[in-house]
Amino acid sequence: MDRQCLVFEIDRVPENGMVLDRVIDGGLFDIEDEDITLNQDVELKGELKRVRRDILFYARVGTEATVRCSRCLGTFSQNVKCDAKAQFKPKEEAIQSEAEIELRAEDCEIEYYEGETISLAEVVRDAILLSFTTMVLCKDDCQGLCSQCGANLNLAPCTCSLDEVVDPRFEKLRLLKEKLK
């Protein structure tokens, strides 16, 4: 499937709106790296509406991804459900001034277009990526990796003696703790 399935001509979007209900090949969104890979097609259910030359877009997005745990570095599948929304405006309406302005939250949802078409691909891609937290965990109580030997502590306890290993930056605190005993 090509990128054209998410490209729309401005004049063909009705003012009363058009319903979007599509299943799109996940490869279209180019989300494939060592931490996140889409492993299913992307379901898109939403609406496009034209208000003069502006296009309003809103959709529920659903798919499944393989993600890497931030603590133990193991991979696992995670369902993705998120909202994608944007207001497309003609590029001529972009702010021409170089003066400092204060951005509002709704300004982040504005996309500018040139020509007679818009593409929803980047908006949907961004929504999928932003649906992940900065710290993705395979489970809430993930133990992570041993800081000394690198063993996955979810699978078995390691044989390192972590009590003997002290970060040299904290050696003075360890000595103070022993004095206070």
N, C-alpha and C. Protein backbone atom coordinates (compact mmCIF):
# COMPACT_ATOMS: atom_id res chain seq x y z
N MET A 1 0.85 -1.18 0.00
CA MET A 1 0.00 0.00 0.00
C MET A 1 0.89 1.24 0.00
N ASP A 2 0.54 2.24 -0.74
CA ASP A 2 1.39 3.42 -0.82
C ASP A 2 0.83 4.56 0.03
N ARG A 3 1.59 5.62 0.10
CA ARG A 3 1.23 6.78 0.91
C ARG A 3 -0.01 7.49 0.38
N GLN A 4 -0.41 7.21 -0.86
CA GLN A 4 -1.55 7.90 -1.45
C GLN A 4 -2.85 7.59 -0.71
N CYS A 5 -2.92 6.51 0.03
CA CYS A 5 -4.17 6.16 0.71
C CYS A 5 -4.51 7.15 1.83
N LEU A 6 -3.55 7.99 2.22
CA LEU A 6 -3.80 9.00 3.24
C LEU A 6 -3.64 10.42 2.70
N VAL A 7 -3.67 10.56 1.38
CA VAL A 7 -3.57 11.87 0.75
C VAL A 7 -4.96 12.26 0.24
N PHE A 8 -5.36 13.49 0.54
CA PHE A 8 -6.69 13.95 0.17
C PHE A 8 -6.60 15.30 -0.53
N GLU A 9 -7.41 15.48 -1.57
CA GLU A 9 -7.52 16.76 -2.25
C GLU A 9 -8.43 17.66 -1.43
N ILE A 10 -7.96 18.88 -1.19
CA ILE A 10 -8.69 19.83 -0.35
C ILE A 10 -10.12 20.03 -0.84
N ASP A 11 -10.30 20.27 -2.12
CA ASP A 11 -11.63 20.57 -2.66
C ASP A 11 -12.57 19.38 -2.65
N ARG A 12 -12.06 18.18 -2.48
CA ARG A 12 -12.92 16.99 -2.47
C ARG A 12 -13.39 16.61 -1.06
N VAL A 13 -12.88 17.30 -0.07
CA VAL A 13 -13.33 17.04 1.31
C VAL A 13 -14.60 17.86 1.52
N PRO A 14 -15.72 17.19 1.79
CA PRO A 14 -16.99 17.92 1.95
C PRO A 14 -17.01 18.77 3.22
N GLU A 15 -17.75 19.87 3.17
CA GLU A 15 -17.87 20.73 4.35
C GLU A 15 -18.60 20.02 5.48
N ASN A 16 -19.53 19.14 5.15
CA ASN A 16 -20.24 18.41 6.20
C ASN A 16 -19.44 17.21 6.69
N GLY A 17 -18.26 17.00 6.13
CA GLY A 17 -17.35 15.96 6.62
C GLY A 17 -17.43 14.67 5.85
N MET A 18 -16.39 13.88 6.00
CA MET A 18 -16.37 12.54 5.42
C MET A 18 -15.80 11.58 6.46
N VAL A 19 -16.38 10.41 6.52
CA VAL A 19 -15.97 9.40 7.49
C VAL A 19 -14.77 8.63 6.95
N LEU A 20 -13.81 8.42 7.81
CA LEU A 20 -12.64 7.60 7.47
C LEU A 20 -12.73 6.31 8.27
N ASP A 21 -12.66 5.20 7.59
CA ASP A 21 -12.63 3.88 8.23
C ASP A 21 -11.71 3.03 7.37
N ARG A 22 -10.43 3.00 7.75
CA ARG A 22 -9.43 2.34 6.91
C ARG A 22 -8.51 1.48 7.74
N VAL A 23 -7.99 0.46 7.06
CA VAL A 23 -6.92 -0.37 7.61
C VAL A 23 -5.73 -0.14 6.70
N ILE A 24 -4.64 0.33 7.29
CA ILE A 24 -3.48 0.78 6.51
C ILE A 24 -2.27 -0.05 6.89
N ASP A 25 -1.49 -0.42 5.90
CA ASP A 25 -0.26 -1.18 6.12
C ASP A 25 0.64 -0.41 7.08
N GLY A 26 1.07 -1.06 8.17
CA GLY A 26 1.92 -0.42 9.17
C GLY A 26 3.25 0.07 8.62
N GLY A 27 3.74 -0.55 7.55
CA GLY A 27 5.00 -0.13 6.95
C GLY A 27 4.95 1.27 6.38
N LEU A 28 3.77 1.76 6.10
CA LEU A 28 3.60 3.11 5.56
C LEU A 28 4.14 4.17 6.51
N PHE A 29 4.11 3.90 7.81
CA PHE A 29 4.45 4.91 8.79
C PHE A 29 5.92 4.92 9.18
N ASP A 30 6.70 3.99 8.64
CA ASP A 30 8.15 3.98 8.86
C ASP A 30 8.50 4.02 10.35
N ILE A 31 7.84 3.16 11.13
CA ILE A 31 8.15 3.03 12.55
C ILE A 31 8.81 1.67 12.72
N GLU A 32 10.11 1.67 12.60
CA GLU A 32 10.85 0.42 12.69
C GLU A 32 12.27 0.72 13.15
N ASP A 33 12.49 0.60 14.45
CA ASP A 33 13.84 0.74 14.97
C ASP A 33 14.04 -0.27 16.08
N GLU A 34 15.11 -0.16 16.81
CA GLU A 34 15.41 -1.18 17.82
C GLU A 34 14.48 -1.12 19.02
N ASP A 35 13.79 0.00 19.24
CA ASP A 35 12.93 0.12 20.41
C ASP A 35 11.44 -0.07 20.11
N ILE A 36 11.00 0.29 18.91
CA ILE A 36 9.58 0.19 18.55
C ILE A 36 9.46 -0.28 17.10
N THR A 37 8.64 -1.30 16.89
CA THR A 37 8.34 -1.78 15.54
C THR A 37 6.86 -2.12 15.48
N LEU A 38 6.18 -1.63 14.47
CA LEU A 38 4.77 -2.00 14.29
C LEU A 38 4.71 -3.41 13.73
N ASN A 39 3.84 -4.26 14.31
CA ASN A 39 3.71 -5.61 13.79
C ASN A 39 2.30 -5.91 13.31
N GLN A 40 1.49 -4.89 13.16
CA GLN A 40 0.15 -5.07 12.62
C GLN A 40 -0.19 -3.88 11.74
N ASP A 41 -1.23 -4.06 10.94
CA ASP A 41 -1.76 -2.93 10.19
C ASP A 41 -2.34 -1.92 11.17
N VAL A 42 -2.53 -0.71 10.70
CA VAL A 42 -3.05 0.37 11.55
C VAL A 42 -4.51 0.62 11.18
N GLU A 43 -5.39 0.55 12.18
CA GLU A 43 -6.81 0.86 11.99
C GLU A 43 -7.01 2.34 12.24
N LEU A 44 -7.70 2.97 11.34
CA LEU A 44 -7.95 4.41 11.43
C LEU A 44 -9.44 4.65 11.27
N LYS A 45 -10.09 5.19 12.30
CA LYS A 45 -11.52 5.49 12.27
C LYS A 45 -11.68 6.93 12.70
N GLY A 46 -12.16 7.77 11.78
CA GLY A 46 -12.30 9.17 12.12
C GLY A 46 -13.06 9.96 11.10
N GLU A 47 -12.69 11.24 11.01
CA GLU A 47 -13.43 12.14 10.15
C GLU A 47 -12.52 13.26 9.63
N LEU A 48 -12.78 13.67 8.40
CA LEU A 48 -12.17 14.86 7.79
C LEU A 48 -13.31 15.84 7.51
N LYS A 49 -13.09 17.10 7.80
CA LYS A 49 -14.11 18.12 7.56
C LYS A 49 -13.43 19.37 7.02
N ARG A 50 -14.04 20.01 6.05
CA ARG A 50 -13.47 21.23 5.47
C ARG A 50 -14.25 22.44 5.98
N VAL A 51 -13.50 23.46 6.42
CA VAL A 51 -14.06 24.74 6.80
C VAL A 51 -13.29 25.78 5.99
N ARG A 52 -13.90 26.26 4.91
CA ARG A 52 -13.24 27.11 3.90
C ARG A 52 -12.01 26.38 3.38
N ARG A 53 -10.80 26.85 3.62
CA ARG A 53 -9.58 26.19 3.13
C ARG A 53 -8.89 25.39 4.24
N ASP A 54 -9.47 25.35 5.43
CA ASP A 54 -8.92 24.56 6.54
C ASP A 54 -9.54 23.17 6.50
N ILE A 55 -8.73 22.18 6.88
CA ILE A 55 -9.22 20.81 6.99
C ILE A 55 -9.03 20.38 8.43
N LEU A 56 -10.11 19.90 9.04
CA LEU A 56 -10.06 19.39 10.41
C LEU A 56 -10.03 17.87 10.34
N PHE A 57 -9.10 17.28 11.09
CA PHE A 57 -8.93 15.83 11.07
C PHE A 57 -8.93 15.31 12.50
N TYR A 58 -9.71 14.25 12.72
CA TYR A 58 -9.71 13.56 14.00
C TYR A 58 -9.90 12.07 13.72
N ALA A 59 -9.13 11.23 14.42
CA ALA A 59 -9.30 9.78 14.24
C ALA A 59 -8.83 9.03 15.48
N ARG A 60 -9.44 7.87 15.71
CA ARG A 60 -8.95 6.90 16.69
C ARG A 60 -8.03 5.98 15.93
N VAL A 61 -6.88 5.71 16.48
CA VAL A 61 -5.87 4.88 15.83
C VAL A 61 -5.65 3.65 16.70
N GLY A 62 -5.55 2.50 16.07
CA GLY A 62 -5.29 1.26 16.80
C GLY A 62 -4.33 0.38 16.03
N THR A 63 -3.38 -0.22 16.73
CA THR A 63 -2.43 -1.15 16.13
C THR A 63 -1.74 -1.93 17.25
N GLU A 64 -0.74 -2.69 16.91
CA GLU A 64 0.07 -3.41 17.90
C GLU A 64 1.53 -3.21 17.53
N ALA A 65 2.36 -3.05 18.56
CA ALA A 65 3.78 -2.83 18.32
C ALA A 65 4.61 -3.75 19.20
N THR A 66 5.80 -4.07 18.74
CA THR A 66 6.79 -4.73 19.57
C THR A 66 7.69 -3.64 20.11
N VAL A 67 7.79 -3.56 21.44
CA VAL A 67 8.59 -2.51 22.07
C VAL A 67 9.64 -3.12 22.99
N ARG A 68 10.67 -2.35 23.26
CA ARG A 68 11.76 -2.80 24.14
C ARG A 68 11.56 -2.19 25.52
N CYS A 69 11.65 -3.02 26.54
CA CYS A 69 11.51 -2.57 27.92
C CYS A 69 12.70 -1.66 28.28
N SER A 70 12.41 -0.56 28.94
CA SER A 70 13.46 0.39 29.31
C SER A 70 14.36 -0.13 30.43
N ARG A 71 13.91 -1.10 31.21
CA ARG A 71 14.72 -1.62 32.31
C ARG A 71 15.48 -2.90 31.97
N CYS A 72 14.78 -3.90 31.42
CA CYS A 72 15.43 -5.20 31.20
C CYS A 72 15.85 -5.40 29.75
N LEU A 73 15.46 -4.49 28.87
CA LEU A 73 15.79 -4.52 27.45
C LEU A 73 15.16 -5.69 26.69
N GLY A 74 14.22 -6.39 27.33
CA GLY A 74 13.48 -7.45 26.64
C GLY A 74 12.41 -6.83 25.76
N THR A 75 11.94 -7.58 24.76
CA THR A 75 10.89 -7.07 23.89
C THR A 75 9.56 -7.73 24.23
N PHE A 76 8.48 -7.01 23.99
CA PHE A 76 7.14 -7.51 24.26
C PHE A 76 6.16 -6.78 23.36
N SER A 77 4.97 -7.36 23.17
CA SER A 77 3.94 -6.73 22.35
C SER A 77 3.08 -5.81 23.20
N GLN A 78 2.70 -4.70 22.60
CA GLN A 78 1.85 -3.74 23.30
C GLN A 78 0.80 -3.22 22.34
N ASN A 79 -0.46 -3.24 22.79
CA ASN A 79 -1.54 -2.64 21.99
C ASN A 79 -1.40 -1.13 22.02
N VAL A 80 -1.68 -0.51 20.90
CA VAL A 80 -1.60 0.95 20.79
C VAL A 80 -2.99 1.45 20.44
N LYS A 81 -3.52 2.31 21.28
CA LYS A 81 -4.79 2.99 21.04
C LYS A 81 -4.53 4.46 21.34
N CYS A 82 -4.76 5.32 20.35
CA CYS A 82 -4.51 6.74 20.56
C CYS A 82 -5.40 7.57 19.64
N ASP A 83 -5.41 8.86 19.88
CA ASP A 83 -6.14 9.79 19.04
C ASP A 83 -5.15 10.56 18.18
N ALA A 84 -5.51 10.78 16.94
CA ALA A 84 -4.72 11.63 16.05
C ALA A 84 -5.63 12.78 15.63
N LYS A 85 -5.12 13.99 15.78
CA LYS A 85 -5.94 15.12 15.34
C LYS A 85 -5.04 16.25 14.87
N ALA A 86 -5.57 17.00 13.92
CA ALA A 86 -4.82 18.13 13.37
C ALA A 86 -5.77 19.07 12.65
N GLN A 87 -5.34 20.30 12.55
CA GLN A 87 -6.02 21.29 11.73
C GLN A 87 -5.03 21.70 10.65
N PHE A 88 -5.38 21.41 9.41
CA PHE A 88 -4.52 21.76 8.28
C PHE A 88 -4.94 23.14 7.77
N LYS A 89 -3.94 24.03 7.65
CA LYS A 89 -4.18 25.38 7.15
C LYS A 89 -3.27 25.64 5.96
N PRO A 90 -3.70 26.51 5.05
CA PRO A 90 -2.82 26.87 3.93
C PRO A 90 -1.54 27.52 4.46
N LYS A 91 -0.43 27.23 3.82
CA LYS A 91 0.87 27.74 4.28
C LYS A 91 0.90 29.27 4.31
N GLU A 92 0.10 29.92 3.47
CA GLU A 92 0.07 31.38 3.46
C GLU A 92 -0.35 31.94 4.80
N GLU A 93 -1.09 31.16 5.59
CA GLU A 93 -1.56 31.63 6.89
C GLU A 93 -0.52 31.44 7.99
N ALA A 94 0.60 30.82 7.66
CA ALA A 94 1.66 30.64 8.67
C ALA A 94 2.15 32.01 9.11
N ILE A 95 2.55 32.11 10.34
CA ILE A 95 3.01 33.38 10.89
C ILE A 95 4.26 33.82 10.14
N GLN A 96 4.22 35.03 9.61
CA GLN A 96 5.33 35.54 8.82
C GLN A 96 6.33 36.32 9.67
N SER A 97 5.96 36.69 10.85
CA SER A 97 6.81 37.52 11.70
C SER A 97 7.89 36.67 12.37
N GLU A 98 9.03 37.29 12.59
CA GLU A 98 10.11 36.62 13.32
C GLU A 98 10.10 37.00 14.80
N ALA A 99 9.12 37.80 15.20
CA ALA A 99 9.02 38.20 16.60
C ALA A 99 8.65 36.99 17.45
N GLU A 100 9.04 37.06 18.72
CA GLU A 100 8.72 35.95 19.62
C GLU A 100 7.23 35.93 19.88
N ILE A 101 6.67 34.72 19.86
CA ILE A 101 5.25 34.56 20.17
C ILE A 101 5.11 33.42 21.17
N GLU A 102 4.03 33.42 21.90
CA GLU A 102 3.77 32.35 22.85
C GLU A 102 2.88 31.31 22.19
N LEU A 103 3.35 30.06 22.17
CA LEU A 103 2.56 28.98 21.59
C LEU A 103 1.56 28.46 22.61
N ARG A 104 0.38 28.14 22.12
CA ARG A 104 -0.64 27.52 22.94
C ARG A 104 -0.67 26.03 22.60
N ALA A 105 -1.28 25.22 23.43
CA ALA A 105 -1.34 23.77 23.19
C ALA A 105 -1.99 23.46 21.85
N GLU A 106 -3.05 24.18 21.51
CA GLU A 106 -3.75 23.91 20.25
C GLU A 106 -2.90 24.29 19.03
N ASP A 107 -1.90 25.15 19.20
CA ASP A 107 -1.02 25.49 18.09
C ASP A 107 -0.18 24.30 17.64
N CYS A 108 0.05 23.36 18.53
CA CYS A 108 0.84 22.18 18.20
C CYS A 108 0.09 21.22 17.29
N GLU A 109 -1.21 21.40 17.20
CA GLU A 109 -2.03 20.53 16.34
C GLU A 109 -2.25 21.14 14.97
N ILE A 110 -1.62 22.28 14.67
CA ILE A 110 -1.79 22.93 13.37
C ILE A 110 -0.70 22.46 12.42
N GLU A 111 -1.13 22.02 11.25
CA GLU A 111 -0.23 21.61 10.17
C GLU A 111 -0.47 22.55 9.00
N TYR A 112 0.58 22.92 8.31
CA TYR A 112 0.44 23.79 7.15
C TYR A 112 0.66 22.99 5.88
N TYR A 113 -0.12 23.27 4.85
CA TYR A 113 0.01 22.56 3.59
C TYR A 113 0.23 23.54 2.45
N GLU A 114 0.87 23.04 1.41
CA GLU A 114 1.05 23.78 0.18
C GLU A 114 0.35 22.99 -0.93
N GLY A 115 -0.13 23.69 -1.91
CA GLY A 115 -0.78 23.01 -3.01
C GLY A 115 -2.23 22.70 -2.70
N GLU A 116 -2.71 21.63 -3.30
CA GLU A 116 -4.13 21.30 -3.22
C GLU A 116 -4.41 20.00 -2.48
N THR A 117 -3.38 19.42 -1.84
CA THR A 117 -3.57 18.15 -1.13
C THR A 117 -2.97 18.20 0.26
N ILE A 118 -3.48 17.32 1.12
CA ILE A 118 -2.90 17.11 2.45
C ILE A 118 -2.62 15.63 2.62
N SER A 119 -1.66 15.31 3.48
CA SER A 119 -1.36 13.91 3.82
C SER A 119 -1.51 13.73 5.32
N LEU A 120 -2.21 12.68 5.71
CA LEU A 120 -2.43 12.39 7.12
C LEU A 120 -1.35 11.49 7.71
N ALA A 121 -0.44 10.99 6.88
CA ALA A 121 0.54 9.99 7.31
C ALA A 121 1.39 10.46 8.48
N GLU A 122 1.93 11.68 8.41
CA GLU A 122 2.81 12.17 9.48
C GLU A 122 2.03 12.41 10.78
N VAL A 123 0.81 12.88 10.67
CA VAL A 123 -0.01 13.14 11.87
C VAL A 123 -0.29 11.82 12.58
N VAL A 124 -0.66 10.79 11.83
CA VAL A 124 -0.94 9.48 12.43
C VAL A 124 0.33 8.88 13.01
N ARG A 125 1.45 8.98 12.28
CA ARG A 125 2.74 8.46 12.77
C ARG A 125 3.12 9.12 14.09
N ASP A 126 3.02 10.44 14.15
CA ASP A 126 3.36 11.17 15.37
C ASP A 126 2.47 10.74 16.53
N ALA A 127 1.17 10.56 16.27
CA ALA A 127 0.24 10.15 17.33
C ALA A 127 0.63 8.78 17.88
N ILE A 128 1.00 7.86 17.00
CA ILE A 128 1.41 6.52 17.45
C ILE A 128 2.66 6.62 18.32
N LEU A 129 3.66 7.34 17.86
CA LEU A 129 4.91 7.46 18.62
C LEU A 129 4.71 8.18 19.95
N LEU A 130 3.87 9.19 19.98
CA LEU A 130 3.63 9.94 21.21
C LEU A 130 2.76 9.16 22.21
N SER A 131 2.15 8.07 21.77
CA SER A 131 1.32 7.29 22.68
C SER A 131 2.17 6.45 23.65
N PHE A 132 3.46 6.30 23.35
CA PHE A 132 4.34 5.55 24.23
C PHE A 132 4.91 6.46 25.31
N THR A 133 5.00 5.95 26.52
CA THR A 133 5.60 6.73 27.60
C THR A 133 7.12 6.76 27.40
N THR A 134 7.78 7.67 28.08
CA THR A 134 9.24 7.76 27.93
C THR A 134 9.92 6.54 28.55
N MET A 135 9.26 5.92 29.53
CA MET A 135 9.82 4.74 30.17
C MET A 135 8.84 3.59 29.96
N VAL A 136 9.06 2.79 28.93
CA VAL A 136 8.18 1.67 28.60
C VAL A 136 8.65 0.45 29.39
N LEU A 137 7.74 -0.14 30.16
CA LEU A 137 8.09 -1.30 30.99
C LEU A 137 7.30 -2.53 30.56
N CYS A 138 7.98 -3.69 30.57
CA CYS A 138 7.32 -4.94 30.20
C CYS A 138 6.28 -5.33 31.25
N LYS A 139 6.52 -4.95 32.50
CA LYS A 139 5.56 -5.14 33.59
C LYS A 139 5.89 -4.11 34.67
N ASP A 140 4.91 -3.78 35.48
CA ASP A 140 5.11 -2.72 36.48
C ASP A 140 6.25 -3.00 37.44
N ASP A 141 6.45 -4.27 37.78
CA ASP A 141 7.50 -4.60 38.75
C ASP A 141 8.75 -5.17 38.08
N CYS A 142 9.05 -4.72 36.87
CA CYS A 142 10.25 -5.19 36.16
C CYS A 142 11.49 -4.88 37.00
N GLN A 143 12.33 -5.89 37.19
CA GLN A 143 13.53 -5.75 38.03
C GLN A 143 14.72 -5.18 37.27
N GLY A 144 14.66 -5.23 35.95
CA GLY A 144 15.75 -4.67 35.15
C GLY A 144 16.95 -5.59 35.07
N LEU A 145 18.11 -4.98 34.82
CA LEU A 145 19.37 -5.71 34.67
C LEU A 145 20.28 -5.44 35.86
N CYS A 146 21.10 -6.41 36.20
CA CYS A 146 22.10 -6.22 37.25
C CYS A 146 23.11 -5.18 36.76
N SER A 147 23.42 -4.23 37.60
CA SER A 147 24.35 -3.17 37.20
C SER A 147 25.79 -3.67 37.08
N GLN A 148 26.08 -4.84 37.63
CA GLN A 148 27.44 -5.36 37.57
C GLN A 148 27.63 -6.38 36.44
N CYS A 149 26.78 -7.40 36.40
CA CYS A 149 26.99 -8.47 35.42
C CYS A 149 26.04 -8.39 34.23
N GLY A 150 24.98 -7.57 34.32
CA GLY A 150 24.05 -7.42 33.20
C GLY A 150 22.99 -8.49 33.12
N ALA A 151 22.88 -9.37 34.12
CA ALA A 151 21.88 -10.43 34.11
C ALA A 151 20.47 -9.84 34.22
N ASN A 152 19.51 -10.46 33.53
CA ASN A 152 18.12 -10.03 33.61
C ASN A 152 17.56 -10.53 34.95
N LEU A 153 17.28 -9.62 35.86
CA LEU A 153 16.84 -9.97 37.21
C LEU A 153 15.40 -10.48 37.25
N ASN A 154 14.67 -10.37 36.16
CA ASN A 154 13.32 -10.94 36.08
C ASN A 154 13.38 -12.46 35.94
N LEU A 155 14.47 -12.95 35.34
CA LEU A 155 14.59 -14.38 35.08
C LEU A 155 15.15 -15.14 36.27
N ALA A 156 16.14 -14.57 36.93
CA ALA A 156 16.76 -15.21 38.10
C ALA A 156 17.64 -14.18 38.80
N PRO A 157 17.85 -14.35 40.10
CA PRO A 157 18.76 -13.45 40.79
C PRO A 157 20.19 -13.70 40.32
N CYS A 158 20.97 -12.66 40.26
CA CYS A 158 22.35 -12.84 39.80
C CYS A 158 23.23 -13.26 40.98
N THR A 159 24.44 -13.65 40.68
CA THR A 159 25.36 -14.13 41.72
C THR A 159 26.33 -13.04 42.16
N CYS A 160 26.16 -11.84 41.66
CA CYS A 160 27.04 -10.74 42.06
C CYS A 160 26.82 -10.40 43.53
N SER A 161 27.84 -9.95 44.16
CA SER A 161 27.73 -9.49 45.52
C SER A 161 27.66 -7.97 45.48
N LEU A 162 26.47 -7.46 45.31
CA LEU A 162 26.29 -6.02 45.16
C LEU A 162 26.61 -5.26 46.43
N ASP A 163 26.57 -5.93 47.59
CA ASP A 163 26.89 -5.25 48.84
C ASP A 163 28.34 -4.80 48.87
N GLU A 164 29.21 -5.55 48.22
CA GLU A 164 30.63 -5.22 48.23
C GLU A 164 30.96 -4.11 47.23
N VAL A 165 30.13 -3.93 46.24
CA VAL A 165 30.41 -2.95 45.21
C VAL A 165 29.77 -1.62 45.60
N VAL A 166 30.59 -0.59 45.74
CA VAL A 166 30.10 0.73 46.09
C VAL A 166 30.64 1.71 45.06
N ASP A 167 29.75 2.52 44.56
CA ASP A 167 30.15 3.57 43.63
C ASP A 167 31.15 4.46 44.37
N PRO A 168 32.32 4.71 43.80
CA PRO A 168 33.33 5.52 44.51
C PRO A 168 32.82 6.91 44.88
N ARG A 169 31.84 7.42 44.16
CA ARG A 169 31.29 8.75 44.50
C ARG A 169 30.52 8.72 45.81
N PHE A 170 30.06 7.52 46.22
CA PHE A 170 29.28 7.40 47.45
C PHE A 170 30.08 6.74 48.59
N GLU A 171 31.35 6.53 48.41
CA GLU A 171 32.18 5.88 49.42
C GLU A 171 32.14 6.66 50.74
N LYS A 172 32.21 7.98 50.69
CA LYS A 172 32.18 8.80 51.91
C LYS A 172 30.85 8.61 52.63
N LEU A 173 29.74 8.50 51.90
CA LEU A 173 28.45 8.27 52.54
C LEU A 173 28.40 6.89 53.20
N ARG A 174 29.01 5.88 52.56
CA ARG A 174 29.04 4.54 53.15
C ARG A 174 29.82 4.57 54.46
N LEU A 175 30.95 5.27 54.47
CA LEU A 175 31.75 5.38 55.69
C LEU A 175 30.98 6.10 56.78
N LEU A 176 30.25 7.15 56.42
CA LEU A 176 29.46 7.88 57.39
C LEU A 176 28.36 6.99 57.95
N LYS A 177 27.73 6.20 57.13
CA LYS A 177 26.68 5.26 57.57
C LYS A 177 27.23 4.28 58.58
N GLU A 178 28.45 3.76 58.31
CA GLU A 178 29.05 2.80 59.24
C GLU A 178 29.38 3.45 60.59
N LYS A 179 29.79 4.71 60.59
CA LYS A 179 30.09 5.42 61.84
C LYS A 179 28.84 5.63 62.66
N LEU A 180 27.71 5.82 61.98
CA LEU A 180 26.44 6.10 62.69
C LEU A 180 25.82 4.84 63.29
N LYS A 181 26.30 3.67 62.93
CA LYS A 181 25.73 2.42 63.46
C LYS A 181 26.05 2.23 64.89
